[in-house]
Amino acid sequence: MQTDWQTKTIAPNGHLLQIDCNSGRERQIKHAACKCGQPVLIEFNAQFSSRRDRKRVFYDRSPDNLNAFRCRGCHEPVSECVPGAEYDEQSNS
């Protein structure tokens, strides 16, 4: 199914609240960048996250089920080089 994400509003924490016009699914994302400058997006409470903290780091125009674990630019783990993509402490227990 094709997705068509539209920004619904900006939350007080600066995250974008978006809605898929085709399915009605909502998501909360944040624009971020690696230390090397590679732009990424971070989705919070992600339906298709493979992390315990339910964050999904991905690149613009990626399929909904794709998770980035290493930066395209510097190849470092995104959890170590992208501010905001760190693993939350509760995910380690």
N, C-alpha and C. Protein backbone atom coordinates (compact mmCIF):
# COMPACT_ATOMS: atom_id res chain seq x y z
N MET A 1 0.84 -1.18 0.00
CA MET A 1 0.00 0.00 0.00
C MET A 1 0.88 1.25 0.00
N GLN A 2 0.55 2.18 -0.81
CA GLN A 2 1.27 3.45 -0.91
C GLN A 2 0.93 4.34 0.28
N THR A 3 1.92 5.05 0.81
CA THR A 3 1.67 5.98 1.90
C THR A 3 1.80 7.41 1.40
N ASP A 4 1.04 8.29 2.01
CA ASP A 4 1.06 9.72 1.67
C ASP A 4 1.02 10.48 2.98
N TRP A 5 2.21 10.70 3.56
CA TRP A 5 2.30 11.33 4.87
C TRP A 5 2.11 12.84 4.76
N GLN A 6 1.21 13.37 5.57
CA GLN A 6 0.95 14.80 5.64
C GLN A 6 1.14 15.24 7.09
N THR A 7 1.81 16.38 7.29
CA THR A 7 2.00 16.89 8.65
C THR A 7 0.68 17.44 9.17
N LYS A 8 0.30 16.93 10.32
CA LYS A 8 -0.95 17.32 10.96
C LYS A 8 -0.74 18.50 11.90
N THR A 9 0.31 18.41 12.71
CA THR A 9 0.62 19.47 13.66
C THR A 9 2.05 19.29 14.16
N ILE A 10 2.55 20.28 14.86
CA ILE A 10 3.86 20.20 15.51
C ILE A 10 3.62 20.15 17.01
N ALA A 11 4.13 19.11 17.65
CA ALA A 11 3.96 18.93 19.09
C ALA A 11 4.84 19.92 19.85
N PRO A 12 4.51 20.20 21.12
CA PRO A 12 5.33 21.11 21.92
C PRO A 12 6.80 20.71 22.03
N ASN A 13 7.09 19.39 21.92
CA ASN A 13 8.48 18.92 21.99
C ASN A 13 9.20 19.05 20.65
N GLY A 14 8.52 19.61 19.63
CA GLY A 14 9.14 19.81 18.33
C GLY A 14 8.97 18.66 17.36
N HIS A 15 8.36 17.57 17.81
CA HIS A 15 8.12 16.43 16.93
C HIS A 15 6.97 16.76 15.99
N LEU A 16 7.05 16.23 14.78
CA LEU A 16 5.96 16.39 13.82
C LEU A 16 4.96 15.26 14.00
N LEU A 17 3.69 15.59 14.07
CA LEU A 17 2.65 14.59 14.10
C LEU A 17 2.10 14.50 12.69
N GLN A 18 2.23 13.31 12.08
CA GLN A 18 1.82 13.13 10.70
C GLN A 18 0.73 12.07 10.59
N ILE A 19 -0.02 12.15 9.51
CA ILE A 19 -1.07 11.18 9.23
C ILE A 19 -0.92 10.72 7.78
N ASP A 20 -1.11 9.42 7.59
CA ASP A 20 -1.09 8.86 6.25
C ASP A 20 -2.49 9.04 5.67
N CYS A 21 -2.61 9.81 4.61
CA CYS A 21 -3.92 10.11 4.01
C CYS A 21 -4.60 8.87 3.46
N ASN A 22 -3.86 7.81 3.17
CA ASN A 22 -4.45 6.59 2.61
C ASN A 22 -4.99 5.64 3.68
N SER A 23 -4.23 5.46 4.77
CA SER A 23 -4.63 4.48 5.78
C SER A 23 -5.16 5.11 7.07
N GLY A 24 -4.87 6.38 7.30
CA GLY A 24 -5.27 7.03 8.55
C GLY A 24 -4.30 6.80 9.69
N ARG A 25 -3.22 6.02 9.45
CA ARG A 25 -2.23 5.75 10.49
C ARG A 25 -1.49 7.03 10.83
N GLU A 26 -1.23 7.25 12.12
CA GLU A 26 -0.51 8.43 12.58
C GLU A 26 0.88 8.03 13.05
N ARG A 27 1.80 8.99 12.98
CA ARG A 27 3.15 8.77 13.50
C ARG A 27 3.70 10.09 14.02
N GLN A 28 4.68 9.95 14.92
CA GLN A 28 5.38 11.10 15.50
C GLN A 28 6.84 10.99 15.10
N ILE A 29 7.34 11.99 14.37
CA ILE A 29 8.72 11.92 13.90
C ILE A 29 9.49 13.19 14.26
N LYS A 30 10.79 13.06 14.15
CA LYS A 30 11.71 14.18 14.39
C LYS A 30 12.77 14.13 13.30
N HIS A 31 13.06 15.29 12.72
CA HIS A 31 14.17 15.38 11.77
C HIS A 31 15.46 15.46 12.58
N ALA A 32 16.46 14.70 12.18
CA ALA A 32 17.74 14.67 12.87
C ALA A 32 18.84 14.51 11.82
N ALA A 33 20.07 14.54 12.29
CA ALA A 33 21.21 14.35 11.39
C ALA A 33 22.33 13.68 12.15
N CYS A 34 23.07 12.84 11.44
CA CYS A 34 24.25 12.20 11.99
C CYS A 34 25.33 13.26 12.22
N LYS A 35 26.31 12.91 13.02
CA LYS A 35 27.45 13.82 13.22
C LYS A 35 28.17 14.13 11.91
N CYS A 36 28.06 13.24 10.93
CA CYS A 36 28.71 13.47 9.63
C CYS A 36 27.84 14.34 8.71
N GLY A 37 26.61 14.64 9.13
CA GLY A 37 25.73 15.49 8.35
C GLY A 37 24.63 14.77 7.60
N GLN A 38 24.65 13.44 7.57
CA GLN A 38 23.62 12.66 6.86
C GLN A 38 22.26 12.86 7.54
N PRO A 39 21.25 13.36 6.82
CA PRO A 39 19.93 13.56 7.44
C PRO A 39 19.19 12.24 7.61
N VAL A 40 18.51 12.11 8.75
CA VAL A 40 17.68 10.94 9.05
C VAL A 40 16.40 11.41 9.71
N LEU A 41 15.47 10.51 9.85
CA LEU A 41 14.24 10.74 10.59
C LEU A 41 14.18 9.74 11.72
N ILE A 42 13.61 10.16 12.84
CA ILE A 42 13.40 9.26 13.98
C ILE A 42 11.90 9.22 14.24
N GLU A 43 11.33 8.02 14.21
CA GLU A 43 9.92 7.85 14.56
C GLU A 43 9.85 7.30 15.97
N PHE A 44 8.93 7.83 16.76
CA PHE A 44 8.77 7.42 18.15
C PHE A 44 7.51 6.56 18.27
N ASN A 45 7.57 5.57 19.14
CA ASN A 45 6.47 4.62 19.33
C ASN A 45 6.07 4.01 17.99
N ALA A 46 7.07 3.60 17.25
CA ALA A 46 6.88 3.14 15.88
C ALA A 46 6.28 1.74 15.81
N GLN A 47 5.33 1.59 14.93
CA GLN A 47 4.67 0.30 14.71
C GLN A 47 5.65 -0.73 14.16
N PHE A 48 6.58 -0.30 13.30
CA PHE A 48 7.50 -1.22 12.64
C PHE A 48 8.92 -1.12 13.19
N SER A 49 9.07 -0.73 14.43
CA SER A 49 10.40 -0.63 15.03
C SER A 49 10.92 -2.02 15.39
N SER A 50 12.22 -2.21 15.25
CA SER A 50 12.83 -3.46 15.68
C SER A 50 13.59 -3.26 16.99
N ARG A 51 13.38 -2.12 17.64
CA ARG A 51 14.04 -1.81 18.91
C ARG A 51 13.05 -1.88 20.05
N ARG A 52 13.53 -2.24 21.24
CA ARG A 52 12.67 -2.32 22.42
C ARG A 52 12.11 -0.96 22.81
N ASP A 53 12.86 0.12 22.56
CA ASP A 53 12.38 1.45 22.94
C ASP A 53 11.41 2.02 21.90
N ARG A 54 11.11 1.25 20.85
CA ARG A 54 10.14 1.56 19.81
C ARG A 54 10.49 2.80 18.98
N LYS A 55 11.78 3.15 18.95
CA LYS A 55 12.25 4.18 18.04
C LYS A 55 12.59 3.51 16.71
N ARG A 56 12.33 4.22 15.63
CA ARG A 56 12.71 3.73 14.30
C ARG A 56 13.48 4.84 13.61
N VAL A 57 14.74 4.58 13.32
CA VAL A 57 15.57 5.53 12.59
C VAL A 57 15.52 5.10 11.13
N PHE A 58 15.25 6.06 10.24
CA PHE A 58 15.11 5.72 8.83
C PHE A 58 15.43 6.94 7.97
N TYR A 59 15.53 6.71 6.69
CA TYR A 59 15.81 7.77 5.73
C TYR A 59 14.52 8.16 5.01
N ASP A 60 14.44 9.42 4.62
CA ASP A 60 13.28 9.93 3.91
C ASP A 60 12.96 9.04 2.71
N ARG A 61 11.71 8.77 2.50
CA ARG A 61 11.19 7.95 1.40
C ARG A 61 11.53 6.46 1.54
N SER A 62 11.87 6.02 2.75
CA SER A 62 12.10 4.60 3.02
C SER A 62 10.77 3.90 3.25
N PRO A 63 10.69 2.62 2.96
CA PRO A 63 9.46 1.87 3.29
C PRO A 63 9.22 1.89 4.81
N ASP A 64 7.95 1.76 5.21
CA ASP A 64 7.58 1.83 6.63
C ASP A 64 8.25 0.78 7.49
N ASN A 65 8.64 -0.34 6.90
CA ASN A 65 9.21 -1.42 7.71
C ASN A 65 10.74 -1.41 7.71
N LEU A 66 11.36 -0.37 7.16
CA LEU A 66 12.81 -0.30 7.10
C LEU A 66 13.37 0.45 8.30
N ASN A 67 14.36 -0.14 8.96
CA ASN A 67 15.05 0.48 10.09
C ASN A 67 16.51 0.65 9.72
N ALA A 68 17.08 1.82 9.99
CA ALA A 68 18.51 2.05 9.73
C ALA A 68 19.27 1.78 11.03
N PHE A 69 20.31 1.00 10.94
CA PHE A 69 21.14 0.71 12.11
C PHE A 69 22.51 1.35 11.99
N ARG A 70 22.94 1.64 10.77
CA ARG A 70 24.21 2.32 10.53
C ARG A 70 23.96 3.50 9.60
N CYS A 71 24.74 4.54 9.78
CA CYS A 71 24.63 5.73 8.96
C CYS A 71 25.10 5.43 7.53
N ARG A 72 24.38 5.96 6.56
CA ARG A 72 24.79 5.81 5.15
C ARG A 72 26.11 6.52 4.87
N GLY A 73 26.36 7.62 5.59
CA GLY A 73 27.55 8.42 5.33
C GLY A 73 28.81 7.88 5.97
N CYS A 74 28.79 7.76 7.30
CA CYS A 74 30.01 7.38 8.03
C CYS A 74 30.01 5.91 8.48
N HIS A 75 28.90 5.22 8.34
CA HIS A 75 28.75 3.80 8.67
C HIS A 75 28.85 3.50 10.17
N GLU A 76 28.75 4.53 11.00
CA GLU A 76 28.72 4.33 12.45
C GLU A 76 27.31 3.91 12.87
N PRO A 77 27.17 3.22 14.01
CA PRO A 77 25.82 2.89 14.50
C PRO A 77 25.02 4.17 14.75
N VAL A 78 23.79 4.24 14.24
CA VAL A 78 23.00 5.46 14.40
C VAL A 78 22.71 5.76 15.87
N SER A 79 22.66 4.74 16.70
CA SER A 79 22.42 4.96 18.13
C SER A 79 23.57 5.70 18.80
N GLU A 80 24.73 5.73 18.15
CA GLU A 80 25.91 6.40 18.71
C GLU A 80 26.23 7.72 18.02
N CYS A 81 25.72 7.93 16.81
CA CYS A 81 26.13 9.13 16.06
C CYS A 81 24.99 10.07 15.69
N VAL A 82 23.74 9.69 15.99
CA VAL A 82 22.60 10.56 15.70
C VAL A 82 21.97 11.00 17.02
N PRO A 83 22.04 12.29 17.34
CA PRO A 83 21.40 12.77 18.57
C PRO A 83 19.90 12.48 18.55
N GLY A 84 19.41 11.86 19.62
CA GLY A 84 18.01 11.48 19.72
C GLY A 84 17.77 10.02 19.39
N ALA A 85 18.72 9.36 18.74
CA ALA A 85 18.54 7.96 18.35
C ALA A 85 19.18 7.00 19.36
N GLU A 86 19.67 7.53 20.46
CA GLU A 86 20.26 6.68 21.48
C GLU A 86 19.21 5.72 22.01
N TYR A 87 19.64 4.55 22.46
CA TYR A 87 18.70 3.61 23.07
C TYR A 87 18.27 4.17 24.42
N ASP A 88 16.97 4.15 24.70
CA ASP A 88 16.47 4.57 25.99
C ASP A 88 16.83 3.51 27.02
N GLU A 89 17.05 3.94 28.26
CA GLU A 89 17.51 3.03 29.31
C GLU A 89 16.56 1.85 29.53
N GLN A 90 15.25 2.07 29.47
CA GLN A 90 14.31 0.97 29.73
C GLN A 90 14.45 -0.12 28.68
N SER A 91 15.03 0.19 27.51
CA SER A 91 15.16 -0.83 26.47
C SER A 91 16.29 -1.80 26.76
N ASN A 92 17.18 -1.46 27.69
CA ASN A 92 18.31 -2.33 28.01
C ASN A 92 17.98 -3.38 29.05
N SER A 93 16.84 -3.28 29.68
CA SER A 93 16.52 -4.24 30.74
C SER A 93 15.69 -5.38 30.23
